[in-house]
Amino acid sequence: MGKDLTKVDKVILMCSGYTCTKKGSEEHILALRACIKDNALEDKVHTIKTLCMGQCESGPTLQVYPEGIWYKEMTIERAKSVITSHVMKGQLLDNILFKEGDAVMHPAEDLSSKTKK
């Protein structure tokens, strides 16, 4: 039997596309998952490895739901911080957060207005 997803509070999408993998995403994903396990969050946090998330220039990237928060330039320590700060304490990691005006990321508000045509 698989994981009971009805208990999940957070879903983390982690890029494992070609460019992010070349930049170490597999190691970051393993560290993130180990941190989830070490903090007994397996029931509350579900992780999904994706193919390319389209943000190669700022990769490796990950996204936390339900907030829809994007993080860039992942390292092993940053991946662990996503769990210990964002997930456990509700604190955003401003230094690696995609923000409006970043060269690559486009805010969701801008994208939604373009798709309604």
N, C-alpha and C. Protein backbone atom coordinates (compact mmCIF):
# COMPACT_ATOMS: atom_id res chain seq x y z
N MET A 1 0.84 -1.18 0.00
CA MET A 1 0.00 0.00 0.00
C MET A 1 0.88 1.24 0.00
N GLY A 2 0.48 2.23 -0.75
CA GLY A 2 1.25 3.47 -0.84
C GLY A 2 1.00 4.38 0.36
N LYS A 3 1.58 5.53 0.28
CA LYS A 3 1.48 6.54 1.33
C LYS A 3 0.05 7.08 1.41
N ASP A 4 -0.42 7.32 2.64
CA ASP A 4 -1.74 7.91 2.86
C ASP A 4 -1.63 9.41 2.62
N LEU A 5 -2.04 9.84 1.44
CA LEU A 5 -1.89 11.25 1.05
C LEU A 5 -2.90 12.17 1.73
N THR A 6 -3.88 11.62 2.42
CA THR A 6 -4.84 12.46 3.11
C THR A 6 -4.22 13.17 4.32
N LYS A 7 -3.07 12.72 4.79
CA LYS A 7 -2.39 13.34 5.93
C LYS A 7 -1.38 14.41 5.50
N VAL A 8 -1.15 14.53 4.22
CA VAL A 8 -0.10 15.42 3.70
C VAL A 8 -0.53 16.88 3.78
N ASP A 9 0.36 17.71 4.37
CA ASP A 9 0.14 19.16 4.45
C ASP A 9 0.93 19.91 3.38
N LYS A 10 2.09 19.37 3.01
CA LYS A 10 2.97 20.03 2.05
C LYS A 10 3.39 19.04 0.98
N VAL A 11 3.50 19.55 -0.23
CA VAL A 11 4.03 18.78 -1.35
C VAL A 11 5.20 19.59 -1.90
N ILE A 12 6.34 18.93 -2.07
CA ILE A 12 7.52 19.60 -2.60
C ILE A 12 7.88 18.96 -3.94
N LEU A 13 7.84 19.79 -4.98
CA LEU A 13 8.26 19.36 -6.32
C LEU A 13 9.73 19.71 -6.48
N MET A 14 10.51 18.74 -6.90
CA MET A 14 11.96 18.94 -7.01
C MET A 14 12.42 18.62 -8.42
N CYS A 15 13.06 19.58 -9.05
CA CYS A 15 13.49 19.40 -10.43
C CYS A 15 14.64 18.39 -10.51
N SER A 16 14.48 17.43 -11.40
CA SER A 16 15.58 16.52 -11.71
C SER A 16 15.77 16.44 -13.23
N GLY A 17 15.53 17.59 -13.87
CA GLY A 17 15.80 17.70 -15.30
C GLY A 17 17.30 17.65 -15.55
N TYR A 18 17.68 17.62 -16.81
CA TYR A 18 19.08 17.45 -17.19
C TYR A 18 20.01 18.48 -16.56
N THR A 19 19.70 19.76 -16.70
CA THR A 19 20.59 20.81 -16.20
C THR A 19 20.67 20.78 -14.68
N CYS A 20 19.54 20.63 -14.01
CA CYS A 20 19.56 20.59 -12.54
C CYS A 20 20.30 19.36 -12.03
N THR A 21 20.15 18.24 -12.73
CA THR A 21 20.89 17.04 -12.33
C THR A 21 22.39 17.26 -12.47
N LYS A 22 22.80 17.93 -13.54
CA LYS A 22 24.23 18.25 -13.70
C LYS A 22 24.72 19.16 -12.57
N LYS A 23 23.81 19.96 -11.99
CA LYS A 23 24.16 20.87 -10.91
C LYS A 23 23.97 20.23 -9.53
N GLY A 24 23.70 18.93 -9.47
CA GLY A 24 23.65 18.23 -8.19
C GLY A 24 22.28 17.98 -7.60
N SER A 25 21.22 18.11 -8.38
CA SER A 25 19.88 17.99 -7.80
C SER A 25 19.62 16.63 -7.15
N GLU A 26 20.19 15.57 -7.67
CA GLU A 26 19.94 14.25 -7.08
C GLU A 26 20.42 14.21 -5.63
N GLU A 27 21.59 14.78 -5.36
CA GLU A 27 22.12 14.82 -4.00
C GLU A 27 21.25 15.70 -3.10
N HIS A 28 20.74 16.80 -3.66
CA HIS A 28 19.90 17.72 -2.88
C HIS A 28 18.58 17.04 -2.54
N ILE A 29 18.05 16.29 -3.48
CA ILE A 29 16.79 15.57 -3.25
C ILE A 29 16.97 14.53 -2.16
N LEU A 30 18.07 13.80 -2.19
CA LEU A 30 18.34 12.80 -1.15
C LEU A 30 18.47 13.48 0.22
N ALA A 31 19.15 14.61 0.27
CA ALA A 31 19.32 15.34 1.54
C ALA A 31 17.98 15.85 2.05
N LEU A 32 17.15 16.38 1.16
CA LEU A 32 15.84 16.88 1.55
C LEU A 32 14.99 15.74 2.11
N ARG A 33 14.98 14.62 1.43
CA ARG A 33 14.18 13.48 1.88
C ARG A 33 14.71 12.92 3.21
N ALA A 34 16.02 12.91 3.39
CA ALA A 34 16.61 12.46 4.66
C ALA A 34 16.21 13.40 5.79
N CYS A 35 16.19 14.69 5.53
CA CYS A 35 15.79 15.68 6.53
C CYS A 35 14.32 15.50 6.91
N ILE A 36 13.50 15.20 5.93
CA ILE A 36 12.08 14.92 6.21
C ILE A 36 11.97 13.72 7.15
N LYS A 37 12.72 12.67 6.85
CA LYS A 37 12.69 11.46 7.67
C LYS A 37 13.25 11.73 9.06
N ASP A 38 14.38 12.44 9.13
CA ASP A 38 15.01 12.74 10.42
C ASP A 38 14.10 13.54 11.34
N ASN A 39 13.20 14.32 10.77
CA ASN A 39 12.29 15.15 11.55
C ASN A 39 10.88 14.54 11.64
N ALA A 40 10.76 13.25 11.29
CA ALA A 40 9.50 12.50 11.39
C ALA A 40 8.35 13.21 10.68
N LEU A 41 8.63 13.71 9.48
CA LEU A 41 7.63 14.43 8.70
C LEU A 41 7.12 13.64 7.49
N GLU A 42 7.43 12.36 7.43
CA GLU A 42 7.05 11.57 6.26
C GLU A 42 5.55 11.58 5.98
N ASP A 43 4.73 11.60 7.04
CA ASP A 43 3.27 11.62 6.84
C ASP A 43 2.78 12.99 6.39
N LYS A 44 3.48 14.05 6.76
CA LYS A 44 3.01 15.42 6.51
C LYS A 44 3.56 16.03 5.23
N VAL A 45 4.70 15.53 4.74
CA VAL A 45 5.36 16.11 3.57
C VAL A 45 5.54 15.03 2.51
N HIS A 46 5.09 15.33 1.31
CA HIS A 46 5.24 14.41 0.18
C HIS A 46 6.15 15.08 -0.84
N THR A 47 7.12 14.33 -1.35
CA THR A 47 8.04 14.87 -2.35
C THR A 47 7.81 14.20 -3.69
N ILE A 48 8.01 14.99 -4.74
CA ILE A 48 7.86 14.49 -6.10
C ILE A 48 9.03 14.99 -6.93
N LYS A 49 9.77 14.07 -7.53
CA LYS A 49 10.81 14.44 -8.48
C LYS A 49 10.14 14.71 -9.82
N THR A 50 10.46 15.84 -10.42
CA THR A 50 9.89 16.18 -11.71
C THR A 50 10.97 16.13 -12.78
N LEU A 51 10.54 16.23 -14.00
CA LEU A 51 11.48 16.50 -15.07
C LEU A 51 11.68 18.01 -15.07
N CYS A 52 12.15 18.58 -16.13
CA CYS A 52 12.49 20.00 -16.19
C CYS A 52 11.33 20.89 -15.75
N MET A 53 11.61 21.84 -14.87
CA MET A 53 10.63 22.80 -14.39
C MET A 53 10.79 24.15 -15.10
N GLY A 54 11.69 24.21 -16.09
CA GLY A 54 11.81 25.39 -16.92
C GLY A 54 12.55 26.56 -16.32
N GLN A 55 13.33 26.33 -15.29
CA GLN A 55 14.09 27.41 -14.65
C GLN A 55 15.57 27.03 -14.56
N CYS A 56 16.10 26.51 -15.64
CA CYS A 56 17.45 25.95 -15.67
C CYS A 56 18.53 26.94 -15.22
N GLU A 57 18.39 28.20 -15.60
CA GLU A 57 19.40 29.20 -15.27
C GLU A 57 19.57 29.37 -13.77
N SER A 58 18.51 29.09 -13.01
CA SER A 58 18.54 29.28 -11.56
C SER A 58 18.44 27.96 -10.80
N GLY A 59 18.66 26.87 -11.48
CA GLY A 59 18.52 25.56 -10.86
C GLY A 59 19.70 25.16 -10.01
N PRO A 60 19.53 24.11 -9.30
CA PRO A 60 18.33 23.31 -9.13
C PRO A 60 17.23 24.09 -8.39
N THR A 61 16.00 23.82 -8.78
CA THR A 61 14.86 24.51 -8.19
C THR A 61 13.94 23.51 -7.50
N LEU A 62 13.14 24.05 -6.59
CA LEU A 62 12.05 23.27 -6.02
C LEU A 62 10.90 24.20 -5.71
N GLN A 63 9.72 23.63 -5.60
CA GLN A 63 8.52 24.40 -5.33
C GLN A 63 7.76 23.73 -4.19
N VAL A 64 7.27 24.56 -3.25
CA VAL A 64 6.54 24.06 -2.08
C VAL A 64 5.07 24.44 -2.21
N TYR A 65 4.21 23.42 -2.10
CA TYR A 65 2.76 23.62 -2.12
C TYR A 65 2.19 23.28 -0.76
N PRO A 66 1.10 23.91 -0.33
CA PRO A 66 0.14 24.60 -1.16
C PRO A 66 0.47 26.07 -1.43
N GLU A 67 1.56 26.58 -0.87
CA GLU A 67 1.88 28.00 -1.03
C GLU A 67 2.28 28.38 -2.45
N GLY A 68 2.86 27.43 -3.19
CA GLY A 68 3.34 27.73 -4.53
C GLY A 68 4.63 28.54 -4.50
N ILE A 69 5.42 28.36 -3.46
CA ILE A 69 6.68 29.10 -3.30
C ILE A 69 7.79 28.38 -4.06
N TRP A 70 8.53 29.16 -4.87
CA TRP A 70 9.65 28.62 -5.64
C TRP A 70 10.96 29.00 -4.97
N TYR A 71 11.86 28.02 -4.90
CA TYR A 71 13.22 28.26 -4.42
C TYR A 71 14.20 27.92 -5.54
N LYS A 72 15.31 28.66 -5.57
CA LYS A 72 16.31 28.50 -6.63
C LYS A 72 17.67 28.15 -6.04
N GLU A 73 18.56 27.73 -6.93
CA GLU A 73 19.97 27.51 -6.59
C GLU A 73 20.13 26.62 -5.36
N MET A 74 19.45 25.47 -5.38
CA MET A 74 19.51 24.55 -4.25
C MET A 74 20.90 23.99 -4.04
N THR A 75 21.23 23.83 -2.78
CA THR A 75 22.40 23.08 -2.32
C THR A 75 21.89 22.10 -1.29
N ILE A 76 22.74 21.23 -0.80
CA ILE A 76 22.31 20.29 0.24
C ILE A 76 21.85 21.06 1.47
N GLU A 77 22.61 22.04 1.92
CA GLU A 77 22.22 22.81 3.11
C GLU A 77 20.94 23.60 2.88
N ARG A 78 20.77 24.17 1.71
CA ARG A 78 19.55 24.92 1.42
C ARG A 78 18.33 24.00 1.38
N ALA A 79 18.50 22.82 0.83
CA ALA A 79 17.40 21.85 0.79
C ALA A 79 16.97 21.50 2.21
N LYS A 80 17.93 21.28 3.09
CA LYS A 80 17.61 20.99 4.49
C LYS A 80 16.90 22.18 5.14
N SER A 81 17.33 23.39 4.80
CA SER A 81 16.71 24.59 5.36
C SER A 81 15.27 24.77 4.91
N VAL A 82 14.95 24.30 3.72
CA VAL A 82 13.56 24.36 3.27
C VAL A 82 12.69 23.57 4.25
N ILE A 83 13.19 22.45 4.73
CA ILE A 83 12.42 21.65 5.69
C ILE A 83 12.44 22.30 7.07
N THR A 84 13.63 22.62 7.58
CA THR A 84 13.71 23.10 8.97
C THR A 84 13.19 24.52 9.16
N SER A 85 13.23 25.33 8.14
CA SER A 85 12.71 26.70 8.27
C SER A 85 11.33 26.86 7.65
N HIS A 86 11.21 26.58 6.36
CA HIS A 86 9.93 26.80 5.68
C HIS A 86 8.85 25.84 6.18
N VAL A 87 9.12 24.54 6.09
CA VAL A 87 8.09 23.55 6.42
C VAL A 87 7.80 23.53 7.92
N MET A 88 8.84 23.50 8.74
CA MET A 88 8.64 23.34 10.18
C MET A 88 8.28 24.63 10.91
N LYS A 89 8.77 25.77 10.43
CA LYS A 89 8.57 27.03 11.15
C LYS A 89 7.77 28.07 10.36
N GLY A 90 7.49 27.78 9.10
CA GLY A 90 6.75 28.73 8.29
C GLY A 90 7.54 29.96 7.88
N GLN A 91 8.87 29.86 7.92
CA GLN A 91 9.74 30.98 7.56
C GLN A 91 10.27 30.81 6.14
N LEU A 92 10.03 31.82 5.31
CA LEU A 92 10.55 31.78 3.94
C LEU A 92 12.05 32.03 3.95
N LEU A 93 12.73 31.44 3.00
CA LEU A 93 14.18 31.61 2.86
C LEU A 93 14.43 32.68 1.79
N ASP A 94 14.42 33.93 2.21
CA ASP A 94 14.48 35.06 1.28
C ASP A 94 15.68 35.03 0.34
N ASN A 95 16.81 34.51 0.80
CA ASN A 95 18.02 34.54 -0.02
C ASN A 95 17.97 33.62 -1.24
N ILE A 96 17.06 32.65 -1.25
CA ILE A 96 16.94 31.73 -2.40
C ILE A 96 15.52 31.68 -2.95
N LEU A 97 14.70 32.63 -2.56
CA LEU A 97 13.31 32.70 -2.98
C LEU A 97 13.20 33.42 -4.31
N PHE A 98 12.46 32.83 -5.25
CA PHE A 98 12.15 33.56 -6.48
C PHE A 98 11.24 34.71 -6.11
N LYS A 99 11.54 35.89 -6.59
CA LYS A 99 10.74 37.07 -6.29
C LYS A 99 10.38 37.78 -7.57
N GLU A 100 9.33 38.59 -7.50
CA GLU A 100 8.95 39.40 -8.65
C GLU A 100 10.15 40.24 -9.08
N GLY A 101 10.43 40.24 -10.35
CA GLY A 101 11.56 40.98 -10.87
C GLY A 101 12.79 40.13 -11.13
N ASP A 102 12.82 38.89 -10.62
CA ASP A 102 13.93 38.01 -10.95
C ASP A 102 13.96 37.81 -12.46
N ALA A 103 15.13 37.69 -12.99
CA ALA A 103 15.31 37.63 -14.44
C ALA A 103 14.59 36.44 -15.08
N VAL A 104 14.49 35.33 -14.38
CA VAL A 104 13.95 34.13 -14.99
C VAL A 104 12.51 33.87 -14.58
N MET A 105 12.22 33.96 -13.32
CA MET A 105 10.89 33.64 -12.81
C MET A 105 9.91 34.76 -13.13
N HIS A 106 8.71 34.38 -13.54
CA HIS A 106 7.65 35.33 -13.78
C HIS A 106 6.57 35.13 -12.73
N PRO A 107 6.11 36.18 -12.08
CA PRO A 107 5.09 36.01 -11.03
C PRO A 107 3.83 35.36 -11.58
N ALA A 108 3.15 34.59 -10.76
CA ALA A 108 1.95 33.87 -11.17
C ALA A 108 0.88 34.84 -11.68
N GLU A 109 0.80 36.04 -11.11
CA GLU A 109 -0.21 37.00 -11.54
C GLU A 109 -0.01 37.37 -13.01
N ASP A 110 1.21 37.57 -13.42
CA ASP A 110 1.51 37.92 -14.80
C ASP A 110 1.14 36.77 -15.74
N LEU A 111 1.46 35.55 -15.35
CA LEU A 111 1.19 34.41 -16.22
C LEU A 111 -0.30 34.16 -16.35
N SER A 112 -1.05 34.32 -15.28
CA SER A 112 -2.49 34.05 -15.35
C SER A 112 -3.20 35.05 -16.28
N SER A 113 -2.76 36.27 -16.30
CA SER A 113 -3.40 37.26 -17.19
C SER A 113 -3.10 36.95 -18.65
N LYS A 114 -1.97 36.34 -18.93
CA LYS A 114 -1.62 36.01 -20.31
C LYS A 114 -2.36 34.78 -20.81
N THR A 115 -2.76 33.90 -19.92
CA THR A 115 -3.41 32.66 -20.35
C THR A 115 -4.92 32.81 -20.47
N LYS A 116 -5.48 33.93 -20.07
CA LYS A 116 -6.92 34.11 -20.12
C LYS A 116 -7.41 34.65 -21.47
N LYS A 117 -6.53 34.87 -22.42
CA LYS A 117 -6.92 35.42 -23.72
C LYS A 117 -7.64 34.41 -24.56
